[in-house]
């Protein structure tokens, strides 16, 4: 199962709110970020790199629709552009794995 980042949030609290909405709808997800300090996740507030919300590739459209309906993503999300951006990142990641 390939995971795709559908959104980036400034901190783990906001990412967690979006994840909770997805969880309530039965949509698998995970949160990824470099924001864990000595006092735990999110203690330092916003992170420069952001906290990403990932879902299985097969659930991208449904997850985005749920988050838009919940007001946690802008309503004008372009799914084709999102997929292209994520594919571009995946290709970059694949190349760095080969090195």
Protein backbone atom coordinates (compact mmCIF):
# COMPACT_ATOMS: atom_id res chain seq x y z
CA UNK A 1 0.00 0.00 0.00
CA UNK A 2 1.52 3.28 -1.13
CA UNK A 3 0.90 6.30 1.12
CA UNK A 4 0.39 9.75 -0.36
CA UNK A 5 0.74 13.06 1.50
CA UNK A 6 -2.48 14.97 0.96
CA UNK A 7 -1.84 17.92 3.26
CA UNK A 8 0.79 19.63 5.37
CA UNK A 9 -0.06 21.41 8.61
CA UNK A 10 2.05 23.82 10.67
CA UNK A 11 1.88 21.62 13.77
CA UNK A 12 0.85 18.20 15.04
CA UNK A 13 -2.28 19.52 16.76
CA UNK A 14 -3.82 20.68 13.48
CA UNK A 15 -2.69 17.53 11.70
CA UNK A 16 -4.24 15.50 14.52
CA UNK A 17 -7.58 17.27 14.09
CA UNK A 18 -7.62 16.35 10.41
CA UNK A 19 -6.54 12.79 11.22
CA UNK A 20 -9.39 12.52 13.73
CA UNK A 21 -11.91 13.51 11.06
CA UNK A 22 -10.50 10.86 8.71
CA UNK A 23 -10.52 8.28 11.49
CA UNK A 24 -14.18 9.00 12.26
CA UNK A 25 -14.96 8.18 8.61
CA UNK A 26 -12.91 4.97 8.67
CA UNK A 27 -10.17 6.33 6.38
CA UNK A 28 -6.71 4.92 7.10
CA UNK A 29 -4.04 7.58 7.65
CA UNK A 30 -0.76 8.40 9.31
CA UNK A 31 0.94 11.59 10.43
CA UNK A 32 4.58 12.28 9.61
CA UNK A 33 6.71 15.10 10.95
CA UNK A 34 9.99 16.05 12.55
CA UNK A 35 8.37 17.93 15.41
CA UNK A 36 9.09 15.66 18.37
CA UNK A 37 11.24 17.33 21.01
CA UNK A 38 12.23 16.37 24.52
CA UNK A 39 8.76 17.28 25.82
CA UNK A 40 6.82 15.33 23.18
CA UNK A 41 5.08 16.02 19.88
CA UNK A 42 3.98 19.54 19.18
CA UNK A 43 5.38 21.06 22.36
CA UNK A 44 7.37 23.61 20.42
CA UNK A 45 4.36 24.76 18.39
CA UNK A 46 4.69 25.18 14.65
CA UNK A 47 7.47 23.40 12.82
CA UNK A 48 9.35 24.81 9.85
CA UNK A 49 9.01 21.57 7.89
CA UNK A 50 5.33 21.06 8.66
CA UNK A 51 3.53 17.89 9.65
CA UNK A 52 2.25 15.80 6.76
CA UNK A 53 -0.98 13.82 6.66
CA UNK A 54 -0.73 10.68 4.52
CA UNK A 55 -3.43 8.31 3.27
CA UNK A 56 -3.38 5.24 1.03
CA UNK A 57 -3.23 6.22 -2.62
CA UNK A 58 -6.59 4.56 -3.28
CA UNK A 59 -8.29 6.83 -0.70
CA UNK A 60 -6.88 10.21 -1.74
CA UNK A 61 -10.06 11.55 -3.38
CA UNK A 62 -12.29 10.42 -0.52
CA UNK A 63 -9.93 11.79 2.15
CA UNK A 64 -9.61 15.18 0.45
CA UNK A 65 -13.39 15.41 0.06
CA UNK A 66 -13.90 14.65 3.76
CA UNK A 67 -11.32 17.27 4.82
CA UNK A 68 -12.78 19.91 2.49
CA UNK A 69 -16.27 19.22 3.88
CA UNK A 70 -14.87 19.57 7.42
CA UNK A 71 -13.25 22.91 6.52
CA UNK A 72 -9.73 21.59 7.11
CA UNK A 73 -8.63 21.95 3.48
CA UNK A 74 -9.46 24.62 0.91
CA UNK A 75 -12.46 23.82 -1.26
CA UNK A 76 -10.58 24.45 -4.49
CA UNK A 77 -8.14 21.55 -4.10
CA UNK A 78 -7.04 20.34 -7.51
CA UNK A 79 -6.77 16.54 -7.14
CA UNK A 80 -4.91 16.12 -10.44
CA UNK A 81 -2.29 18.65 -9.35
CA UNK A 82 -2.06 17.00 -5.93
CA UNK A 83 -1.47 13.60 -7.54
CA UNK A 84 1.15 15.03 -9.92
CA UNK A 85 2.98 16.73 -7.05
CA UNK A 86 2.96 13.55 -4.99
CA UNK A 87 4.17 11.46 -7.95
CA UNK A 88 6.98 13.94 -8.49
CA UNK A 89 8.00 13.63 -4.84
CA UNK A 90 7.80 9.84 -5.01
CA UNK A 91 10.07 9.82 -8.05
CA UNK A 92 12.55 12.05 -6.22
CA UNK A 93 12.39 9.74 -3.18
CA UNK A 94 12.91 6.69 -5.39
CA UNK A 95 16.01 8.26 -6.95
CA UNK A 96 17.47 9.12 -3.54
CA UNK A 97 16.90 5.51 -2.40
CA UNK A 98 18.99 4.28 -5.33
CA UNK A 99 22.02 6.37 -4.32
